[in-house]
């Protein structure tokens, strides 16, 4: 298994459209990655398609905090 990359721009779009199903799919994959001993990497994609890494989540506790933050307003 390898690290899982989450493009936060996509997460923000899904939050705006309130697509809880797709958000849950992404978050479930991320959790399986962490349970499997790998990291979840949060990146922001700019208009040129370049991705900038800004956070790495490696523990289940940190991931649960991120998950709560993502789902807070749904």
Protein backbone atom coordinates (compact mmCIF):
# COMPACT_ATOMS: atom_id res chain seq x y z
CA UNK A 1 0.00 0.00 0.00
CA UNK A 2 1.18 3.54 -0.62
CA UNK A 3 0.44 6.99 0.78
CA UNK A 4 -2.96 8.42 -0.10
CA UNK A 5 -3.12 11.95 -1.50
CA UNK A 6 -6.19 14.10 -0.85
CA UNK A 7 -6.59 17.17 -3.03
CA UNK A 8 -8.30 19.59 -0.66
CA UNK A 9 -9.74 21.62 -3.54
CA UNK A 10 -11.88 18.57 -4.32
CA UNK A 11 -12.92 18.21 -0.68
CA UNK A 12 -14.02 21.86 -0.65
CA UNK A 13 -16.08 21.34 -3.83
CA UNK A 14 -17.80 18.33 -2.30
CA UNK A 15 -18.53 20.29 0.87
CA UNK A 16 -20.14 23.06 -1.17
CA UNK A 17 -22.35 20.60 -3.05
CA UNK A 18 -22.92 18.65 0.17
CA UNK A 19 -21.94 15.37 -1.51
CA UNK A 20 -21.57 13.39 1.68
CA UNK A 21 -21.39 10.06 -0.15
CA UNK A 22 -18.28 11.01 -2.15
CA UNK A 23 -16.68 12.61 0.90
CA UNK A 24 -17.23 9.42 2.89
CA UNK A 25 -15.63 7.35 0.12
CA UNK A 26 -12.53 9.54 0.12
CA UNK A 27 -12.31 9.59 3.91
CA UNK A 28 -12.80 5.80 4.16
CA UNK A 29 -9.93 5.21 1.70
CA UNK A 30 -7.78 7.58 3.71
CA UNK A 31 -8.57 5.80 6.97
CA UNK A 32 -7.71 2.40 5.46
CA UNK A 33 -4.40 3.88 4.34
CA UNK A 34 -3.55 5.06 7.85
CA UNK A 35 -4.64 1.78 9.44
CA UNK A 36 -2.38 0.05 6.91
CA UNK A 37 0.60 2.04 8.19
CA UNK A 38 0.89 4.64 5.45
CA UNK A 39 0.30 8.40 5.48
CA UNK A 40 -2.43 10.64 4.13
CA UNK A 41 -1.01 13.68 2.37
CA UNK A 42 -3.09 16.82 1.98
CA UNK A 43 -2.28 18.91 -1.08
CA UNK A 44 -3.71 22.00 -2.69
CA UNK A 45 -3.78 22.10 -6.48
CA UNK A 46 -3.18 25.46 -8.15
CA UNK A 47 -4.58 26.62 -11.48
CA UNK A 48 -1.58 25.23 -13.34
CA UNK A 49 -2.28 21.75 -11.97
CA UNK A 50 0.72 21.79 -9.66
CA UNK A 51 0.15 20.28 -6.25
CA UNK A 52 1.54 21.77 -3.05
CA UNK A 53 1.75 19.48 -0.07
CA UNK A 54 0.84 21.25 3.15
CA UNK A 55 0.06 18.53 5.68
CA UNK A 56 0.77 14.88 6.36
CA UNK A 57 -1.52 12.84 8.58
CA UNK A 58 -0.01 9.68 9.99
CA UNK A 59 -2.04 8.80 13.08
CA UNK A 60 -5.62 7.65 13.46
CA UNK A 61 -6.27 10.31 16.09
CA UNK A 62 -5.09 13.13 13.82
CA UNK A 63 -7.13 11.67 10.97
CA UNK A 64 -10.30 11.58 13.08
CA UNK A 65 -9.82 15.27 13.87
CA UNK A 66 -9.47 16.01 10.15
CA UNK A 67 -12.55 13.90 9.39
CA UNK A 68 -14.64 15.82 11.94
CA UNK A 69 -13.45 19.07 10.44
CA UNK A 70 -14.44 17.99 6.91
CA UNK A 71 -17.89 16.73 7.90
CA UNK A 72 -18.69 19.46 10.44
CA UNK A 73 -21.04 21.50 8.26
CA UNK A 74 -22.86 18.69 6.44
